[in-house]
């Protein structure tokens, strides 16, 4: 695990990315987690908002494909 030190640049707190870590996308969503953890996740387009994806997959799962589940009266 690589340790880094936060830096102040133009009044902003910066967390440098170590050379060993490839930042392959331009934008990241940032979350504050438990125990003061800072989590960066690459921002990727939501396929469910993409018209092309919806068009190609709109009939991929039909009602007949769903499993009919039921509980037996003595199941628990």
C-alpha atoms as a PDB file:
ATOM      1  CA  UNK A   1       0.000   0.000   0.000  1.00  0.00           C
ATOM      2  CA  UNK A   2       1.302   3.424  -0.946  1.00  0.00           C
ATOM      3  CA  UNK A   3       0.895   6.367   1.446  1.00  0.00           C
ATOM      4  CA  UNK A   4       0.426   9.931   0.248  1.00  0.00           C
ATOM      5  CA  UNK A   5       0.195  13.312   1.959  1.00  0.00           C
ATOM      6  CA  UNK A   6      -2.593  15.753   1.197  1.00  0.00           C
ATOM      7  CA  UNK A   7      -1.433  19.001  -0.374  1.00  0.00           C
ATOM      8  CA  UNK A   8      -2.893  22.504  -0.591  1.00  0.00           C
ATOM      9  CA  UNK A   9      -2.937  24.039  -4.084  1.00  0.00           C
ATOM     10  CA  UNK A  10      -4.665  27.390  -4.730  1.00  0.00           C
ATOM     11  CA  UNK A  11      -6.701  26.968  -1.560  1.00  0.00           C
ATOM     12  CA  UNK A  12      -7.879  23.458  -2.532  1.00  0.00           C
ATOM     13  CA  UNK A  13      -6.938  20.221  -0.770  1.00  0.00           C
ATOM     14  CA  UNK A  14      -5.343  17.852  -3.297  1.00  0.00           C
ATOM     15  CA  UNK A  15      -4.747  14.122  -2.931  1.00  0.00           C
ATOM     16  CA  UNK A  16      -2.023  13.162  -5.423  1.00  0.00           C
ATOM     17  CA  UNK A  17      -2.356   9.869  -7.301  1.00  0.00           C
ATOM     18  CA  UNK A  18       0.765   7.689  -7.034  1.00  0.00           C
ATOM     19  CA  UNK A  19       2.494   6.815 -10.325  1.00  0.00           C
ATOM     20  CA  UNK A  20       1.734   3.130  -9.782  1.00  0.00           C
ATOM     21  CA  UNK A  21      -2.006   3.815 -10.030  1.00  0.00           C
ATOM     22  CA  UNK A  22      -3.323   4.476 -13.528  1.00  0.00           C
ATOM     23  CA  UNK A  23      -6.129   7.037 -13.592  1.00  0.00           C
ATOM     24  CA  UNK A  24      -7.703   5.890 -16.860  1.00  0.00           C
ATOM     25  CA  UNK A  25     -10.810   8.115 -16.888  1.00  0.00           C
ATOM     26  CA  UNK A  26     -11.170  11.888 -16.606  1.00  0.00           C
ATOM     27  CA  UNK A  27     -13.916  12.089 -13.945  1.00  0.00           C
ATOM     28  CA  UNK A  28     -14.390  10.270 -10.649  1.00  0.00           C
ATOM     29  CA  UNK A  29     -17.234  10.271  -8.134  1.00  0.00           C
ATOM     30  CA  UNK A  30     -15.942  10.760  -4.588  1.00  0.00           C
ATOM     31  CA  UNK A  31     -17.509   9.396  -1.421  1.00  0.00           C
ATOM     32  CA  UNK A  32     -16.657   9.692   2.230  1.00  0.00           C
ATOM     33  CA  UNK A  33     -16.747   6.241   3.777  1.00  0.00           C
ATOM     34  CA  UNK A  34     -16.378   4.761   7.219  1.00  0.00           C
ATOM     35  CA  UNK A  35     -13.338   5.493   9.360  1.00  0.00           C
ATOM     36  CA  UNK A  36     -12.535   8.631   7.323  1.00  0.00           C
ATOM     37  CA  UNK A  37     -11.993   6.592   4.140  1.00  0.00           C
ATOM     38  CA  UNK A  38     -12.114   8.501   0.851  1.00  0.00           C
ATOM     39  CA  UNK A  39     -13.362   6.431  -2.087  1.00  0.00           C
ATOM     40  CA  UNK A  40     -12.900   7.403  -5.746  1.00  0.00           C
ATOM     41  CA  UNK A  41     -15.005   5.570  -8.339  1.00  0.00           C
ATOM     42  CA  UNK A  42     -14.675   6.163 -12.084  1.00  0.00           C
ATOM     43  CA  UNK A  43     -17.693   7.978 -13.486  1.00  0.00           C
ATOM     44  CA  UNK A  44     -19.153   5.825 -16.231  1.00  0.00           C
ATOM     45  CA  UNK A  45     -22.344   6.409 -18.196  1.00  0.00           C
ATOM     46  CA  UNK A  46     -25.454   4.731 -16.824  1.00  0.00           C
ATOM     47  CA  UNK A  47     -26.479   2.193 -19.506  1.00  0.00           C
ATOM     48  CA  UNK A  48     -30.110   2.389 -18.355  1.00  0.00           C
ATOM     49  CA  UNK A  49     -30.234   6.025 -19.477  1.00  0.00           C
ATOM     50  CA  UNK A  50     -28.692   5.232 -22.872  1.00  0.00           C
ATOM     51  CA  UNK A  51     -31.277   5.082 -25.702  1.00  0.00           C
ATOM     52  CA  UNK A  52     -29.133   2.696 -27.782  1.00  0.00           C
ATOM     53  CA  UNK A  53     -28.722   0.265 -24.862  1.00  0.00           C
ATOM     54  CA  UNK A  54     -32.456   0.359 -24.115  1.00  0.00           C
ATOM     55  CA  UNK A  55     -33.335  -0.246 -27.765  1.00  0.00           C
ATOM     56  CA  UNK A  56     -30.974  -3.246 -27.993  1.00  0.00           C
ATOM     57  CA  UNK A  57     -32.123  -4.822 -24.719  1.00  0.00           C
ATOM     58  CA  UNK A  58     -35.773  -3.858 -24.334  1.00  0.00           C
ATOM     59  CA  UNK A  59     -37.048  -7.407 -24.972  1.00  0.00           C
ATOM     60  CA  UNK A  60     -34.110  -9.257 -23.447  1.00  0.00           C
ATOM     61  CA  UNK A  61     -36.083 -10.418 -20.414  1.00  0.00           C
ATOM     62  CA  UNK A  62     -39.695 -11.412 -20.888  1.00  0.00           C
ATOM     63  CA  UNK A  63     -42.250 -12.301 -18.219  1.00  0.00           C
ATOM     64  CA  UNK A  64     -41.929 -15.984 -19.232  1.00  0.00           C
ATOM     65  CA  UNK A  65     -38.215 -15.864 -18.325  1.00  0.00           C
ATOM     66  CA  UNK A  66     -38.918 -15.053 -14.675  1.00  0.00           C
ATOM     67  CA  UNK A  67     -38.867 -17.830 -12.123  1.00  0.00           C
ATOM     68  CA  UNK A  68     -42.192 -18.521 -10.453  1.00  0.00           C
ATOM     69  CA  UNK A  69     -41.255 -18.861  -6.811  1.00  0.00           C
ATOM     70  CA  UNK A  70     -43.592 -19.929  -4.057  1.00  0.00           C
ATOM     71  CA  UNK A  71     -43.366 -20.860  -0.395  1.00  0.00           C
ATOM     72  CA  UNK A  72     -44.636 -24.130   0.874  1.00  0.00           C
ATOM     73  CA  UNK A  73     -46.898 -23.927   3.912  1.00  0.00           C
ATOM     74  CA  UNK A  74     -44.330 -25.927   5.923  1.00  0.00           C
ATOM     75  CA  UNK A  75     -41.301 -24.134   4.448  1.00  0.00           C
ATOM     76  CA  UNK A  76     -40.210 -22.572   7.700  1.00  0.00           C
END
